[in-house]
Amino acid sequence: MHNDMWRTEKLGQVLTLQRGFDLPKGQRIEGNVPVISSGGQTGWHKDVKVLPPGVVTGRYGSVGEVFYVSEPFWPLNTTLFVSNFYGNDPKYVFYLLKSLNFKRFSDKTGVPGVNRNDLHRIRVNHPPIPEQKKIAEILSTWDEAIEHTRKLIETKKCHKKALMHQLLTGNCRLSTATQPWKEYKLFRLLQAKNGSFPN
């Protein structure tokens, strides 16, 4: 339940989505400007099309994916980017778009795609700017915690893989191990039953 400070408006009154720009791979010139497609960053170019902060979503292909871009960038024609925030907090707009179900507006045939005019007609609830900033700050903190946890999990997976290699090759022995390792062909081990290994 929103209080009177929240407003219900069409998405097109909160922001303007604009189609990205054509840039075939053969016309890209190596540079430090990220090229953003419907699936995220897909390369680099030397020219800038949009200044940050940027919010980009897929127009064709990966419909519903939303990206926040904090540096000058080039959005491809497979995307829609926010060309006008109307004074709203860009990070809040990013989370607002992530919360919408774009796929229900997707074409039913061929490659999945959305029409920006359909998206502009979606009715959304949104708060005053100070509350937008606070919401964006809270959600960003959670995203950072999730990313930190993901990196920890990846690190632990790498450690486990290294440990598996050490334990399963005999390079690292358990303190309780007293018998020497024996070498068998794999098919002989697979034939072992009830935990008894072949001689």
C-alpha atoms as a PDB file:
ATOM      1  CA  MET A   1       0.000   0.000   0.000  1.00  0.00           C
ATOM      2  CA  HIS A   2       1.613   3.262  -1.117  1.00  0.00           C
ATOM      3  CA  ASN A   3       1.070   6.548   0.651  1.00  0.00           C
ATOM      4  CA  ASP A   4      -0.015   9.775  -1.019  1.00  0.00           C
ATOM      5  CA  MET A   5       3.588  10.653  -1.821  1.00  0.00           C
ATOM      6  CA  TRP A   6       3.754   7.838  -4.378  1.00  0.00           C
ATOM      7  CA  ARG A   7       2.367   8.439  -7.866  1.00  0.00           C
ATOM      8  CA  THR A   8       0.892   6.095 -10.435  1.00  0.00           C
ATOM      9  CA  GLU A   9       1.855   7.065 -13.976  1.00  0.00           C
ATOM     10  CA  LYS A  10       2.626   5.525 -17.322  1.00  0.00           C
ATOM     11  CA  LEU A  11       6.232   4.415 -17.663  1.00  0.00           C
ATOM     12  CA  GLY A  12       6.610   6.907 -20.515  1.00  0.00           C
ATOM     13  CA  GLN A  13       5.982   9.718 -18.016  1.00  0.00           C
ATOM     14  CA  VAL A  14       8.766   8.443 -15.765  1.00  0.00           C
ATOM     15  CA  LEU A  15      11.372   7.835 -18.478  1.00  0.00           C
ATOM     16  CA  THR A  16      11.847   7.710 -22.237  1.00  0.00           C
ATOM     17  CA  LEU A  17      13.177   4.604 -23.924  1.00  0.00           C
ATOM     18  CA  GLN A  18      15.022   5.048 -27.215  1.00  0.00           C
ATOM     19  CA  ARG A  19      16.235   2.491 -29.700  1.00  0.00           C
ATOM     20  CA  GLY A  20      19.994   1.930 -29.847  1.00  0.00           C
ATOM     21  CA  PHE A  21      22.220   2.521 -32.859  1.00  0.00           C
ATOM     22  CA  ASP A  22      23.492   0.280 -35.662  1.00  0.00           C
ATOM     23  CA  LEU A  23      27.158  -0.648 -35.447  1.00  0.00           C
ATOM     24  CA  PRO A  24      28.151  -3.741 -37.462  1.00  0.00           C
ATOM     25  CA  LYS A  25      31.272  -5.496 -36.183  1.00  0.00           C
ATOM     26  CA  GLY A  26      33.104  -4.628 -39.389  1.00  0.00           C
ATOM     27  CA  GLN A  27      32.653  -0.920 -38.666  1.00  0.00           C
ATOM     28  CA  ARG A  28      33.883  -0.985 -35.083  1.00  0.00           C
ATOM     29  CA  ILE A  29      37.197   0.703 -34.381  1.00  0.00           C
ATOM     30  CA  GLU A  30      39.120  -0.529 -31.346  1.00  0.00           C
ATOM     31  CA  GLY A  31      38.755   1.850 -28.420  1.00  0.00           C
ATOM     32  CA  ASN A  32      37.698   1.996 -24.771  1.00  0.00           C
ATOM     33  CA  VAL A  33      33.971   2.637 -25.230  1.00  0.00           C
ATOM     34  CA  PRO A  34      31.858  -0.414 -24.294  1.00  0.00           C
ATOM     35  CA  VAL A  35      29.347  -1.621 -26.874  1.00  0.00           C
ATOM     36  CA  ILE A  36      26.148  -2.786 -25.163  1.00  0.00           C
ATOM     37  CA  SER A  37      23.842  -5.335 -26.787  1.00  0.00           C
ATOM     38  CA  SER A  38      20.646  -6.977 -25.525  1.00  0.00           C
ATOM     39  CA  GLY A  39      22.858  -9.477 -23.685  1.00  0.00           C
ATOM     40  CA  GLY A  40      25.244  -6.944 -22.136  1.00  0.00           C
ATOM     41  CA  GLN A  41      28.693  -5.736 -23.210  1.00  0.00           C
ATOM     42  CA  THR A  42      29.766  -7.352 -26.476  1.00  0.00           C
ATOM     43  CA  GLY A  43      32.814  -5.380 -27.511  1.00  0.00           C
ATOM     44  CA  TRP A  44      34.547  -2.005 -27.716  1.00  0.00           C
ATOM     45  CA  HIS A  45      34.494   1.013 -30.008  1.00  0.00           C
ATOM     46  CA  LYS A  46      36.235   4.388 -30.146  1.00  0.00           C
ATOM     47  CA  ASP A  47      33.121   6.594 -30.420  1.00  0.00           C
ATOM     48  CA  VAL A  48      30.612   7.468 -27.701  1.00  0.00           C
ATOM     49  CA  LYS A  49      26.871   7.557 -28.370  1.00  0.00           C
ATOM     50  CA  VAL A  50      25.450   7.969 -24.851  1.00  0.00           C
ATOM     51  CA  LEU A  51      26.882   9.574 -21.735  1.00  0.00           C
ATOM     52  CA  PRO A  52      26.467   7.952 -18.312  1.00  0.00           C
ATOM     53  CA  PRO A  53      24.658   7.070 -16.225  1.00  0.00           C
ATOM     54  CA  GLY A  54      22.966   4.668 -18.613  1.00  0.00           C
ATOM     55  CA  VAL A  55      20.189   2.122 -18.267  1.00  0.00           C
ATOM     56  CA  VAL A  56      19.844  -0.336 -21.141  1.00  0.00           C
ATOM     57  CA  THR A  57      17.418  -3.176 -21.804  1.00  0.00           C
ATOM     58  CA  GLY A  58      17.043  -5.719 -24.593  1.00  0.00           C
ATOM     59  CA  ARG A  59      14.768  -4.801 -27.497  1.00  0.00           C
ATOM     60  CA  TYR A  60      15.372  -8.063 -29.380  1.00  0.00           C
ATOM     61  CA  GLY A  61      16.880 -11.314 -28.200  1.00  0.00           C
ATOM     62  CA  SER A  62      17.442 -11.126 -24.439  1.00  0.00           C
ATOM     63  CA  VAL A  63      14.167  -9.383 -23.618  1.00  0.00           C
ATOM     64  CA  GLY A  64      13.915  -8.381 -19.967  1.00  0.00           C
ATOM     65  CA  GLU A  65      17.643  -8.103 -19.296  1.00  0.00           C
ATOM     66  CA  VAL A  66      18.493  -4.683 -17.831  1.00  0.00           C
ATOM     67  CA  PHE A  67      21.982  -3.202 -17.473  1.00  0.00           C
ATOM     68  CA  TYR A  68      23.305  -0.201 -15.569  1.00  0.00           C
ATOM     69  CA  VAL A  69      26.212   1.502 -17.351  1.00  0.00           C
ATOM     70  CA  SER A  70      28.413   3.931 -15.415  1.00  0.00           C
ATOM     71  CA  GLU A  71      30.677   5.021 -18.287  1.00  0.00           C
ATOM     72  CA  PRO A  72      30.184   6.492 -21.788  1.00  0.00           C
ATOM     73  CA  PHE A  73      28.858   3.748 -24.073  1.00  0.00           C
ATOM     74  CA  TRP A  74      27.354   2.735 -27.403  1.00  0.00           C
ATOM     75  CA  PRO A  75      23.959   0.948 -27.197  1.00  0.00           C
ATOM     76  CA  LEU A  76      23.335  -1.327 -30.181  1.00  0.00           C
ATOM     77  CA  ASN A  77      20.120  -1.334 -32.180  1.00  0.00           C
ATOM     78  CA  THR A  78      19.037  -4.539 -30.420  1.00  0.00           C
ATOM     79  CA  THR A  79      18.573  -2.478 -27.251  1.00  0.00           C
ATOM     80  CA  LEU A  80      16.448   0.268 -25.774  1.00  0.00           C
ATOM     81  CA  PHE A  81      18.205   2.795 -23.553  1.00  0.00           C
ATOM     82  CA  VAL A  82      16.825   5.487 -21.263  1.00  0.00           C
ATOM     83  CA  SER A  83      17.360   8.769 -23.095  1.00  0.00           C
ATOM     84  CA  ASN A  84      15.482  10.872 -20.511  1.00  0.00           C
ATOM     85  CA  PHE A  85      15.103  10.149 -16.776  1.00  0.00           C
ATOM     86  CA  TYR A  86      12.868  13.180 -16.171  1.00  0.00           C
ATOM     87  CA  GLY A  87      14.807  13.941 -12.997  1.00  0.00           C
ATOM     88  CA  ASN A  88      14.287  10.461 -11.542  1.00  0.00           C
ATOM     89  CA  ASP A  89      17.210   8.651  -9.928  1.00  0.00           C
ATOM     90  CA  PRO A  90      18.953   6.557 -12.647  1.00  0.00           C
ATOM     91  CA  LYS A  91      19.805   3.678 -10.306  1.00  0.00           C
ATOM     92  CA  TYR A  92      16.194   3.567  -9.105  1.00  0.00           C
ATOM     93  CA  VAL A  93      15.041   3.543 -12.750  1.00  0.00           C
ATOM     94  CA  PHE A  94      17.383   0.590 -13.319  1.00  0.00           C
ATOM     95  CA  TYR A  95      15.718  -1.392 -10.529  1.00  0.00           C
ATOM     96  CA  LEU A  96      12.257  -0.277 -11.634  1.00  0.00           C
ATOM     97  CA  LEU A  97      12.844  -1.672 -15.133  1.00  0.00           C
ATOM     98  CA  LYS A  98      14.285  -4.892 -13.682  1.00  0.00           C
ATOM     99  CA  SER A  99      11.048  -5.371 -11.742  1.00  0.00           C
ATOM    100  CA  LEU A 100       8.845  -5.232 -14.851  1.00  0.00           C
ATOM    101  CA  ASN A 101       7.800  -8.303 -16.815  1.00  0.00           C
ATOM    102  CA  PHE A 102       8.807  -7.221 -20.322  1.00  0.00           C
ATOM    103  CA  LYS A 103       8.265 -10.696 -21.704  1.00  0.00           C
ATOM    104  CA  ARG A 104       4.487 -10.338 -21.544  1.00  0.00           C
ATOM    105  CA  PHE A 105       4.852  -7.609 -24.163  1.00  0.00           C
ATOM    106  CA  SER A 106       7.180  -9.708 -26.314  1.00  0.00           C
ATOM    107  CA  ASP A 107       6.247 -10.704 -29.863  1.00  0.00           C
ATOM    108  CA  LYS A 108       4.718 -14.161 -29.976  1.00  0.00           C
ATOM    109  CA  THR A 109       6.463 -15.223 -33.181  1.00  0.00           C
ATOM    110  CA  GLY A 110      10.031 -15.171 -34.450  1.00  0.00           C
ATOM    111  CA  VAL A 111      12.789 -13.611 -32.369  1.00  0.00           C
ATOM    112  CA  PRO A 112      11.523 -12.316 -29.006  1.00  0.00           C
ATOM    113  CA  GLY A 113      11.175  -8.541 -29.087  1.00  0.00           C
ATOM    114  CA  VAL A 114       9.370  -5.619 -27.501  1.00  0.00           C
ATOM    115  CA  ASN A 115       7.991  -2.323 -28.769  1.00  0.00           C
ATOM    116  CA  ARG A 116       8.967   0.712 -26.725  1.00  0.00           C
ATOM    117  CA  ASN A 117       5.519   2.234 -27.195  1.00  0.00           C
ATOM    118  CA  ASP A 118       3.993  -0.793 -25.473  1.00  0.00           C
ATOM    119  CA  LEU A 119       6.449  -0.411 -22.615  1.00  0.00           C
ATOM    120  CA  HIS A 120       5.739   3.303 -22.305  1.00  0.00           C
ATOM    121  CA  ARG A 121       2.079   2.483 -21.644  1.00  0.00           C
ATOM    122  CA  ILE A 122       2.820   0.294 -18.597  1.00  0.00           C
ATOM    123  CA  ARG A 123       1.438   1.881 -15.423  1.00  0.00           C
ATOM    124  CA  VAL A 124       3.950   2.017 -12.575  1.00  0.00           C
ATOM    125  CA  ASN A 125       4.007   3.289  -8.997  1.00  0.00           C
ATOM    126  CA  HIS A 126       6.982   5.393  -8.029  1.00  0.00           C
ATOM    127  CA  PRO A 127       8.037   7.495  -5.009  1.00  0.00           C
ATOM    128  CA  PRO A 128       9.602  10.956  -4.603  1.00  0.00           C
ATOM    129  CA  ILE A 129      13.290  11.383  -5.486  1.00  0.00           C
ATOM    130  CA  PRO A 130      14.690  11.083  -1.911  1.00  0.00           C
ATOM    131  CA  GLU A 131      12.870   7.769  -1.444  1.00  0.00           C
ATOM    132  CA  GLN A 132      14.031   6.605  -4.887  1.00  0.00           C
ATOM    133  CA  LYS A 133      17.634   7.220  -3.849  1.00  0.00           C
ATOM    134  CA  LYS A 134      17.178   5.325  -0.583  1.00  0.00           C
ATOM    135  CA  ILE A 135      15.535   2.367  -2.350  1.00  0.00           C
ATOM    136  CA  ALA A 136      18.344   2.276  -4.932  1.00  0.00           C
ATOM    137  CA  GLU A 137      20.960   2.423  -2.146  1.00  0.00           C
ATOM    138  CA  ILE A 138      19.388  -0.516  -0.287  1.00  0.00           C
ATOM    139  CA  LEU A 139      19.058  -2.667  -3.401  1.00  0.00           C
ATOM    140  CA  SER A 140      22.608  -1.802  -4.504  1.00  0.00           C
ATOM    141  CA  THR A 141      23.920  -2.917  -1.097  1.00  0.00           C
ATOM    142  CA  TRP A 142      22.159  -6.257  -1.537  1.00  0.00           C
ATOM    143  CA  ASP A 143      23.552  -6.634  -5.064  1.00  0.00           C
ATOM    144  CA  GLU A 144      27.063  -5.992  -3.757  1.00  0.00           C
ATOM    145  CA  ALA A 145      26.591  -8.605  -1.017  1.00  0.00           C
ATOM    146  CA  ILE A 146      25.303 -11.135  -3.559  1.00  0.00           C
ATOM    147  CA  GLU A 147      28.253 -10.472  -5.872  1.00  0.00           C
ATOM    148  CA  HIS A 148      30.681 -10.817  -2.953  1.00  0.00           C
ATOM    149  CA  THR A 149      29.096 -14.157  -2.013  1.00  0.00           C
ATOM    150  CA  ARG A 150      29.248 -15.332  -5.632  1.00  0.00           C
ATOM    151  CA  LYS A 151      32.968 -14.578  -5.779  1.00  0.00           C
ATOM    152  CA  LEU A 152      33.533 -16.417  -2.488  1.00  0.00           C
ATOM    153  CA  ILE A 153      31.699 -19.460  -3.855  1.00  0.00           C
ATOM    154  CA  GLU A 154      33.800 -19.395  -7.040  1.00  0.00           C
ATOM    155  CA  THR A 155      36.971 -19.148  -4.955  1.00  0.00           C
ATOM    156  CA  LYS A 156      35.891 -22.084  -2.785  1.00  0.00           C
ATOM    157  CA  LYS A 157      35.104 -24.122  -5.908  1.00  0.00           C
ATOM    158  CA  CYS A 158      38.635 -23.492  -7.171  1.00  0.00           C
ATOM    159  CA  HIS A 159      40.089 -24.495  -3.788  1.00  0.00           C
ATOM    160  CA  LYS A 160      37.966 -27.654  -3.773  1.00  0.00           C
ATOM    161  CA  LYS A 161      39.103 -28.557  -7.288  1.00  0.00           C
ATOM    162  CA  ALA A 162      42.741 -28.169  -6.273  1.00  0.00           C
ATOM    163  CA  LEU A 163      42.156 -30.195  -3.113  1.00  0.00           C
ATOM    164  CA  MET A 164      40.421 -32.964  -5.088  1.00  0.00           C
ATOM    165  CA  HIS A 165      43.420 -33.175  -7.374  1.00  0.00           C
ATOM    166  CA  GLN A 166      45.798 -33.442  -4.411  1.00  0.00           C
ATOM    167  CA  LEU A 167      43.702 -36.058  -2.574  1.00  0.00           C
ATOM    168  CA  LEU A 168      42.765 -38.179  -5.583  1.00  0.00           C
ATOM    169  CA  THR A 169      46.306 -38.397  -6.934  1.00  0.00           C
ATOM    170  CA  GLY A 170      47.946 -39.242  -3.618  1.00  0.00           C
ATOM    171  CA  ASN A 171      49.972 -36.026  -3.605  1.00  0.00           C
ATOM    172  CA  CYS A 172      48.325 -35.146  -0.306  1.00  0.00           C
ATOM    173  CA  ARG A 173      47.820 -37.956   2.237  1.00  0.00           C
ATOM    174  CA  LEU A 174      45.457 -38.019   5.179  1.00  0.00           C
ATOM    175  CA  SER A 175      47.079 -38.158   8.609  1.00  0.00           C
ATOM    176  CA  THR A 176      45.352 -41.494   9.272  1.00  0.00           C
ATOM    177  CA  ALA A 177      46.578 -43.111   6.034  1.00  0.00           C
ATOM    178  CA  THR A 178      49.185 -45.840   6.593  1.00  0.00           C
ATOM    179  CA  GLN A 179      49.050 -48.003   3.456  1.00  0.00           C
ATOM    180  CA  PRO A 180      50.810 -47.038   0.236  1.00  0.00           C
ATOM    181  CA  TRP A 181      48.706 -46.256  -2.821  1.00  0.00           C
ATOM    182  CA  LYS A 182      48.423 -48.885  -5.561  1.00  0.00           C
ATOM    183  CA  GLU A 183      47.962 -48.246  -9.259  1.00  0.00           C
ATOM    184  CA  TYR A 184      45.076 -49.905 -11.155  1.00  0.00           C
ATOM    185  CA  LYS A 185      43.520 -49.564 -14.556  1.00  0.00           C
ATOM    186  CA  LEU A 186      40.210 -47.695 -14.263  1.00  0.00           C
ATOM    187  CA  PHE A 187      38.092 -50.579 -15.613  1.00  0.00           C
ATOM    188  CA  ARG A 188      39.471 -52.859 -12.849  1.00  0.00           C
ATOM    189  CA  LEU A 189      38.383 -50.379 -10.212  1.00  0.00           C
ATOM    190  CA  LEU A 190      34.945 -50.136 -11.784  1.00  0.00           C
ATOM    191  CA  GLN A 191      34.656 -53.919 -11.487  1.00  0.00           C
ATOM    192  CA  ALA A 192      35.282 -53.773  -7.723  1.00  0.00           C
ATOM    193  CA  LYS A 193      32.270 -54.881  -5.674  1.00  0.00           C
ATOM    194  CA  ASN A 194      31.300 -54.368  -2.050  1.00  0.00           C
ATOM    195  CA  GLY A 195      34.238 -52.090  -1.520  1.00  0.00           C
ATOM    196  CA  SER A 196      36.845 -54.802  -2.272  1.00  0.00           C
ATOM    197  CA  PHE A 197      39.506 -53.781  -4.741  1.00  0.00           C
ATOM    198  CA  PRO A 198      41.150 -56.205  -7.173  1.00  0.00           C
ATOM    199  CA  ASN A 199      44.570 -57.547  -6.269  1.00  0.00           C
END
